[in-house]
Amino acid sequence: MAESLEASVVSEMLDVPADVVYTFARCMENLPLWASGLANGIIHRDEEWFANSAMGEVKVAMAPDNPFGVLDHEVTLPNGTKVHNAFRVTPSGDGSVLTFVVLRPTGVSQEGFDADVAHVRRDLVALKRLLEG
């Protein structure tokens, strides 16, 4: 039986309706505005999306448009490794809640995992500030 990975759920409350957050966050052209790992920009090439990251060029594939607020996306690293990122926006009264599940890959130190969690937290706060500002 495969071993489960350690996980941390990062969440952020927004005073913005979920449909507005969802529409903005799933727009690939907006990712560099708040997703710091893609701050160098994202391009559309051959019907796919690519971004320059600290690791080199990565491919980013977003979940299809859906009525449930699912913003899951898969990032293919330069070495071919695929990383699934579970991300969702949930309605909460007149606002919304962002939740992102950060998994600790095998071989990643506690310090590395903590840095990944902090990175996601900063990105969600950046998205909140952008949309609430």
N, C-alpha and C. Protein backbone atom coordinates (compact mmCIF):
# COMPACT_ATOMS: atom_id res chain seq x y z
N MET A 1 0.83 -1.17 0.00
CA MET A 1 0.00 0.00 0.00
C MET A 1 0.88 1.24 0.00
N ALA A 2 0.52 2.22 -0.82
CA ALA A 2 1.29 3.46 -0.92
C ALA A 2 1.11 4.30 0.34
N GLU A 3 2.18 5.00 0.69
CA GLU A 3 2.14 5.87 1.86
C GLU A 3 1.54 7.22 1.50
N SER A 4 0.69 7.74 2.40
CA SER A 4 0.11 9.07 2.19
C SER A 4 1.16 10.13 2.45
N LEU A 5 1.03 11.25 1.75
CA LEU A 5 1.94 12.37 1.93
C LEU A 5 1.41 13.30 3.01
N GLU A 6 2.31 13.96 3.71
CA GLU A 6 1.91 14.99 4.67
C GLU A 6 1.25 16.13 3.88
N ALA A 7 0.24 16.73 4.49
CA ALA A 7 -0.48 17.81 3.81
C ALA A 7 -0.74 18.95 4.77
N SER A 8 -0.84 20.14 4.21
CA SER A 8 -1.24 21.32 4.96
C SER A 8 -2.27 22.06 4.10
N VAL A 9 -3.38 22.44 4.71
CA VAL A 9 -4.41 23.19 4.00
C VAL A 9 -4.26 24.66 4.35
N VAL A 10 -4.02 25.47 3.33
CA VAL A 10 -3.87 26.90 3.50
C VAL A 10 -5.17 27.54 3.05
N SER A 11 -5.73 28.43 3.88
CA SER A 11 -6.98 29.07 3.49
C SER A 11 -6.91 30.57 3.72
N GLU A 12 -7.76 31.28 3.00
CA GLU A 12 -7.82 32.74 3.09
C GLU A 12 -9.26 33.17 2.82
N MET A 13 -9.81 34.01 3.69
CA MET A 13 -11.15 34.56 3.52
C MET A 13 -11.06 35.82 2.67
N LEU A 14 -12.02 36.01 1.77
CA LEU A 14 -12.08 37.20 0.94
C LEU A 14 -13.45 37.84 1.04
N ASP A 15 -13.48 39.15 1.04
CA ASP A 15 -14.75 39.88 1.00
C ASP A 15 -15.11 40.17 -0.45
N VAL A 16 -15.08 39.12 -1.25
CA VAL A 16 -15.38 39.20 -2.68
C VAL A 16 -16.20 37.96 -3.02
N PRO A 17 -17.28 38.12 -3.80
CA PRO A 17 -18.09 36.95 -4.15
C PRO A 17 -17.26 35.85 -4.84
N ALA A 18 -17.62 34.62 -4.54
CA ALA A 18 -16.87 33.47 -5.07
C ALA A 18 -16.81 33.45 -6.59
N ASP A 19 -17.89 33.82 -7.27
CA ASP A 19 -17.86 33.78 -8.73
C ASP A 19 -16.87 34.78 -9.31
N VAL A 20 -16.72 35.93 -8.65
CA VAL A 20 -15.74 36.92 -9.10
C VAL A 20 -14.33 36.40 -8.89
N VAL A 21 -14.09 35.82 -7.71
CA VAL A 21 -12.76 35.27 -7.40
C VAL A 21 -12.42 34.15 -8.37
N TYR A 22 -13.37 33.24 -8.57
CA TYR A 22 -13.15 32.10 -9.46
C TYR A 22 -12.81 32.56 -10.88
N THR A 23 -13.60 33.48 -11.41
CA THR A 23 -13.37 33.95 -12.79
C THR A 23 -11.99 34.60 -12.92
N PHE A 24 -11.61 35.41 -11.94
CA PHE A 24 -10.30 36.07 -12.00
C PHE A 24 -9.17 35.07 -11.84
N ALA A 25 -9.27 34.19 -10.85
CA ALA A 25 -8.17 33.27 -10.53
C ALA A 25 -7.95 32.22 -11.62
N ARG A 26 -8.99 31.84 -12.33
CA ARG A 26 -8.79 30.80 -13.35
C ARG A 26 -8.32 31.36 -14.69
N CYS A 27 -8.30 32.67 -14.82
CA CYS A 27 -7.80 33.30 -16.04
C CYS A 27 -6.27 33.19 -16.04
N MET A 28 -5.75 32.42 -16.95
CA MET A 28 -4.31 32.14 -16.97
C MET A 28 -3.47 33.41 -17.08
N GLU A 29 -3.96 34.39 -17.82
CA GLU A 29 -3.20 35.64 -17.99
C GLU A 29 -3.07 36.40 -16.67
N ASN A 30 -3.95 36.14 -15.70
CA ASN A 30 -3.88 36.82 -14.40
C ASN A 30 -2.93 36.15 -13.42
N LEU A 31 -2.52 34.93 -13.67
CA LEU A 31 -1.68 34.20 -12.72
C LEU A 31 -0.42 34.96 -12.30
N PRO A 32 0.30 35.59 -13.22
CA PRO A 32 1.51 36.30 -12.80
C PRO A 32 1.24 37.47 -11.85
N LEU A 33 0.00 37.93 -11.77
CA LEU A 33 -0.35 39.04 -10.90
C LEU A 33 -0.38 38.65 -9.42
N TRP A 34 -0.55 37.35 -9.15
CA TRP A 34 -0.66 36.92 -7.76
C TRP A 34 0.07 35.61 -7.45
N ALA A 35 0.33 34.79 -8.42
CA ALA A 35 1.03 33.51 -8.20
C ALA A 35 2.53 33.75 -8.42
N SER A 36 3.24 34.01 -7.34
CA SER A 36 4.64 34.46 -7.44
C SER A 36 5.56 33.48 -8.17
N GLY A 37 5.23 32.21 -8.14
CA GLY A 37 6.05 31.24 -8.87
C GLY A 37 5.97 31.42 -10.38
N LEU A 38 4.96 32.18 -10.82
CA LEU A 38 4.76 32.43 -12.25
C LEU A 38 4.92 33.91 -12.57
N ALA A 39 5.59 34.63 -11.66
CA ALA A 39 5.71 36.09 -11.78
C ALA A 39 6.42 36.54 -13.04
N ASN A 40 7.22 35.66 -13.65
CA ASN A 40 7.93 36.02 -14.87
C ASN A 40 7.05 35.97 -16.10
N GLY A 41 5.79 35.60 -15.92
CA GLY A 41 4.85 35.59 -17.04
C GLY A 41 4.45 34.20 -17.48
N ILE A 42 3.37 34.17 -18.21
CA ILE A 42 2.82 32.92 -18.74
C ILE A 42 2.47 33.15 -20.20
N ILE A 43 2.73 32.14 -21.02
CA ILE A 43 2.45 32.27 -22.45
C ILE A 43 1.61 31.09 -22.93
N HIS A 44 0.82 31.36 -23.94
CA HIS A 44 -0.02 30.34 -24.57
C HIS A 44 0.67 29.91 -25.85
N ARG A 45 1.01 28.62 -25.93
CA ARG A 45 1.74 28.11 -27.09
C ARG A 45 1.21 26.72 -27.42
N ASP A 46 0.84 26.51 -28.66
CA ASP A 46 0.35 25.20 -29.12
C ASP A 46 -0.79 24.67 -28.24
N GLU A 47 -1.74 25.57 -27.91
CA GLU A 47 -2.93 25.21 -27.13
C GLU A 47 -2.61 24.84 -25.68
N GLU A 48 -1.40 25.13 -25.19
CA GLU A 48 -1.03 24.85 -23.81
C GLU A 48 -0.44 26.11 -23.19
N TRP A 49 -0.36 26.15 -21.85
CA TRP A 49 0.16 27.30 -21.13
C TRP A 49 1.51 26.94 -20.51
N PHE A 50 2.48 27.86 -20.67
CA PHE A 50 3.82 27.65 -20.14
C PHE A 50 4.26 28.90 -19.38
N ALA A 51 5.05 28.66 -18.33
CA ALA A 51 5.55 29.77 -17.53
C ALA A 51 7.02 29.55 -17.23
N ASN A 52 7.75 30.64 -17.12
CA ASN A 52 9.13 30.57 -16.68
C ASN A 52 9.12 30.63 -15.16
N SER A 53 9.72 29.64 -14.54
CA SER A 53 9.79 29.59 -13.08
C SER A 53 11.25 29.53 -12.66
N ALA A 54 11.48 29.51 -11.37
CA ALA A 54 12.84 29.38 -10.85
C ALA A 54 13.47 28.06 -11.28
N MET A 55 12.64 27.06 -11.62
CA MET A 55 13.13 25.74 -12.04
C MET A 55 13.32 25.65 -13.55
N GLY A 56 12.91 26.67 -14.29
CA GLY A 56 12.91 26.63 -15.74
C GLY A 56 11.48 26.67 -16.23
N GLU A 57 11.27 26.36 -17.51
CA GLU A 57 9.92 26.41 -18.06
C GLU A 57 9.06 25.27 -17.53
N VAL A 58 7.85 25.62 -17.07
CA VAL A 58 6.89 24.63 -16.59
C VAL A 58 5.60 24.76 -17.40
N LYS A 59 4.90 23.65 -17.53
CA LYS A 59 3.60 23.66 -18.20
C LYS A 59 2.53 23.71 -17.11
N VAL A 60 1.51 24.54 -17.31
CA VAL A 60 0.43 24.69 -16.34
C VAL A 60 -0.89 24.35 -17.03
N ALA A 61 -1.60 23.39 -16.46
CA ALA A 61 -2.90 22.98 -17.01
C ALA A 61 -3.95 23.14 -15.93
N MET A 62 -4.93 24.01 -16.18
CA MET A 62 -6.00 24.32 -15.23
C MET A 62 -7.18 23.37 -15.45
N ALA A 63 -7.87 23.04 -14.36
CA ALA A 63 -9.10 22.24 -14.46
C ALA A 63 -10.08 22.96 -15.38
N PRO A 64 -10.90 22.21 -16.09
CA PRO A 64 -11.90 22.84 -16.95
C PRO A 64 -12.84 23.74 -16.14
N ASP A 65 -13.39 24.74 -16.81
CA ASP A 65 -14.36 25.63 -16.19
C ASP A 65 -15.47 24.78 -15.58
N ASN A 66 -15.86 25.09 -14.35
CA ASN A 66 -16.86 24.28 -13.66
C ASN A 66 -17.65 25.14 -12.69
N PRO A 67 -18.84 24.69 -12.29
CA PRO A 67 -19.69 25.49 -11.39
C PRO A 67 -19.36 25.30 -9.91
N PHE A 68 -18.32 24.54 -9.59
CA PHE A 68 -18.02 24.18 -8.21
C PHE A 68 -16.86 24.95 -7.59
N GLY A 69 -16.24 25.85 -8.35
CA GLY A 69 -15.12 26.62 -7.82
C GLY A 69 -13.81 25.88 -7.77
N VAL A 70 -13.71 24.76 -8.49
CA VAL A 70 -12.48 23.97 -8.49
C VAL A 70 -11.45 24.61 -9.42
N LEU A 71 -10.33 24.99 -8.84
CA LEU A 71 -9.23 25.62 -9.57
C LEU A 71 -7.99 24.72 -9.57
N ASP A 72 -8.21 23.43 -9.42
CA ASP A 72 -7.08 22.51 -9.44
C ASP A 72 -6.27 22.73 -10.70
N HIS A 73 -4.98 22.55 -10.58
CA HIS A 73 -4.11 22.68 -11.75
C HIS A 73 -2.91 21.76 -11.60
N GLU A 74 -2.43 21.33 -12.74
CA GLU A 74 -1.28 20.44 -12.79
C GLU A 74 -0.11 21.21 -13.38
N VAL A 75 1.01 21.13 -12.69
CA VAL A 75 2.23 21.78 -13.16
C VAL A 75 3.21 20.68 -13.55
N THR A 76 3.67 20.72 -14.80
CA THR A 76 4.67 19.77 -15.26
C THR A 76 6.02 20.46 -15.20
N LEU A 77 6.90 19.91 -14.36
CA LEU A 77 8.22 20.49 -14.14
C LEU A 77 9.14 20.19 -15.32
N PRO A 78 10.25 20.91 -15.44
CA PRO A 78 11.17 20.68 -16.56
C PRO A 78 11.65 19.23 -16.68
N ASN A 79 11.72 18.50 -15.55
CA ASN A 79 12.17 17.10 -15.61
C ASN A 79 11.04 16.13 -15.93
N GLY A 80 9.83 16.66 -16.17
CA GLY A 80 8.69 15.82 -16.52
C GLY A 80 7.80 15.45 -15.35
N THR A 81 8.23 15.72 -14.13
CA THR A 81 7.42 15.43 -12.94
C THR A 81 6.16 16.28 -12.98
N LYS A 82 5.02 15.66 -12.70
CA LYS A 82 3.75 16.38 -12.67
C LYS A 82 3.31 16.56 -11.23
N VAL A 83 2.95 17.79 -10.91
CA VAL A 83 2.52 18.13 -9.55
C VAL A 83 1.07 18.59 -9.62
N HIS A 84 0.20 17.87 -8.90
CA HIS A 84 -1.21 18.24 -8.84
C HIS A 84 -1.41 19.20 -7.68
N ASN A 85 -2.01 20.34 -7.96
CA ASN A 85 -2.30 21.34 -6.92
C ASN A 85 -3.80 21.45 -6.76
N ALA A 86 -4.29 21.09 -5.57
CA ALA A 86 -5.72 21.13 -5.27
C ALA A 86 -6.06 22.51 -4.72
N PHE A 87 -6.90 23.24 -5.44
CA PHE A 87 -7.19 24.63 -5.13
C PHE A 87 -8.67 24.88 -5.39
N ARG A 88 -9.33 25.57 -4.47
CA ARG A 88 -10.77 25.79 -4.61
C ARG A 88 -11.17 27.12 -4.04
N VAL A 89 -12.22 27.70 -4.61
CA VAL A 89 -12.87 28.89 -4.05
C VAL A 89 -14.30 28.48 -3.68
N THR A 90 -14.66 28.75 -2.44
CA THR A 90 -15.95 28.33 -1.91
C THR A 90 -16.75 29.56 -1.49
N PRO A 91 -18.04 29.64 -1.88
CA PRO A 91 -18.86 30.76 -1.42
C PRO A 91 -18.98 30.74 0.10
N SER A 92 -18.98 31.93 0.70
CA SER A 92 -19.14 32.08 2.14
C SER A 92 -19.92 33.37 2.39
N GLY A 93 -21.23 33.26 2.45
CA GLY A 93 -22.07 34.45 2.55
C GLY A 93 -21.88 35.30 1.31
N ASP A 94 -21.57 36.59 1.50
CA ASP A 94 -21.32 37.48 0.36
C ASP A 94 -19.87 37.41 -0.10
N GLY A 95 -19.04 36.69 0.64
CA GLY A 95 -17.62 36.57 0.31
C GLY A 95 -17.26 35.17 -0.15
N SER A 96 -16.02 34.80 0.09
CA SER A 96 -15.55 33.48 -0.33
C SER A 96 -14.36 33.04 0.51
N VAL A 97 -14.05 31.78 0.38
CA VAL A 97 -12.89 31.19 1.05
C VAL A 97 -12.05 30.49 -0.01
N LEU A 98 -10.76 30.80 -0.02
CA LEU A 98 -9.81 30.08 -0.86
C LEU A 98 -9.20 28.97 -0.02
N THR A 99 -9.08 27.77 -0.59
CA THR A 99 -8.36 26.69 0.08
C THR A 99 -7.42 26.04 -0.91
N PHE A 100 -6.22 25.78 -0.46
CA PHE A 100 -5.17 25.19 -1.29
C PHE A 100 -4.51 24.10 -0.45
N VAL A 101 -4.47 22.88 -0.97
CA VAL A 101 -3.84 21.77 -0.26
C VAL A 101 -2.39 21.66 -0.74
N VAL A 102 -1.47 21.82 0.20
CA VAL A 102 -0.04 21.69 -0.10
C VAL A 102 0.40 20.31 0.37
N LEU A 103 0.90 19.51 -0.56
CA LEU A 103 1.42 18.18 -0.22
C LEU A 103 2.93 18.23 -0.11
N ARG A 104 3.46 17.44 0.81
CA ARG A 104 4.92 17.34 0.98
C ARG A 104 5.42 16.14 0.19
N PRO A 105 6.06 16.41 -0.96
CA PRO A 105 6.56 15.29 -1.77
C PRO A 105 7.63 14.48 -1.02
N THR A 106 7.75 13.24 -1.37
CA THR A 106 8.78 12.38 -0.80
C THR A 106 10.15 13.01 -1.03
N GLY A 107 10.95 13.04 0.02
CA GLY A 107 12.29 13.58 -0.09
C GLY A 107 12.43 15.05 0.21
N VAL A 108 11.31 15.75 0.38
CA VAL A 108 11.36 17.18 0.70
C VAL A 108 11.48 17.33 2.22
N SER A 109 12.45 18.13 2.65
CA SER A 109 12.70 18.34 4.07
C SER A 109 11.53 19.10 4.71
N GLN A 110 11.49 19.08 6.04
CA GLN A 110 10.48 19.84 6.76
C GLN A 110 10.62 21.32 6.43
N GLU A 111 11.85 21.80 6.34
CA GLU A 111 12.09 23.20 6.01
C GLU A 111 11.58 23.53 4.61
N GLY A 112 11.80 22.63 3.68
CA GLY A 112 11.32 22.83 2.31
C GLY A 112 9.80 22.84 2.25
N PHE A 113 9.18 21.94 3.01
CA PHE A 113 7.72 21.88 3.05
C PHE A 113 7.16 23.15 3.68
N ASP A 114 7.77 23.58 4.79
CA ASP A 114 7.32 24.81 5.45
C ASP A 114 7.44 26.00 4.50
N ALA A 115 8.50 26.03 3.70
CA ALA A 115 8.69 27.11 2.72
C ALA A 115 7.61 27.06 1.65
N ASP A 116 7.24 25.85 1.20
CA ASP A 116 6.16 25.71 0.21
C ASP A 116 4.84 26.22 0.77
N VAL A 117 4.54 25.88 2.02
CA VAL A 117 3.30 26.32 2.67
C VAL A 117 3.30 27.85 2.78
N ALA A 118 4.42 28.43 3.20
CA ALA A 118 4.52 29.88 3.33
C ALA A 118 4.36 30.56 1.97
N HIS A 119 4.91 29.95 0.94
CA HIS A 119 4.81 30.49 -0.42
C HIS A 119 3.34 30.54 -0.86
N VAL A 120 2.62 29.46 -0.64
CA VAL A 120 1.20 29.41 -1.00
C VAL A 120 0.42 30.45 -0.19
N ARG A 121 0.72 30.56 1.09
CA ARG A 121 0.04 31.55 1.93
C ARG A 121 0.24 32.96 1.39
N ARG A 122 1.48 33.30 1.00
CA ARG A 122 1.76 34.62 0.42
C ARG A 122 0.97 34.84 -0.86
N ASP A 123 0.89 33.80 -1.70
CA ASP A 123 0.15 33.94 -2.96
C ASP A 123 -1.35 34.16 -2.72
N LEU A 124 -1.92 33.44 -1.76
CA LEU A 124 -3.35 33.62 -1.48
C LEU A 124 -3.61 35.01 -0.91
N VAL A 125 -2.71 35.50 -0.06
CA VAL A 125 -2.84 36.86 0.47
C VAL A 125 -2.72 37.88 -0.67
N ALA A 126 -1.81 37.64 -1.60
CA ALA A 126 -1.66 38.54 -2.76
C ALA A 126 -2.93 38.56 -3.59
N LEU A 127 -3.55 37.40 -3.80
CA LEU A 127 -4.81 37.34 -4.55
C LEU A 127 -5.91 38.09 -3.80
N LYS A 128 -5.97 37.91 -2.50
CA LYS A 128 -6.95 38.63 -1.66
C LYS A 128 -6.76 40.13 -1.80
N ARG A 129 -5.54 40.61 -1.64
CA ARG A 129 -5.28 42.05 -1.72
C ARG A 129 -5.62 42.61 -3.09
N LEU A 130 -5.30 41.86 -4.12
CA LEU A 130 -5.57 42.28 -5.48
C LEU A 130 -7.08 42.45 -5.71
N LEU A 131 -7.84 41.48 -5.26
CA LEU A 131 -9.29 41.50 -5.50
C LEU A 131 -10.05 42.40 -4.55
N GLU A 132 -9.57 42.55 -3.34
CA GLU A 132 -10.25 43.42 -2.38
C GLU A 132 -9.83 44.88 -2.53
N GLY A 133 -8.65 45.09 -3.16
CA GLY A 133 -8.10 46.44 -3.27
C GLY A 133 -8.82 47.24 -4.29
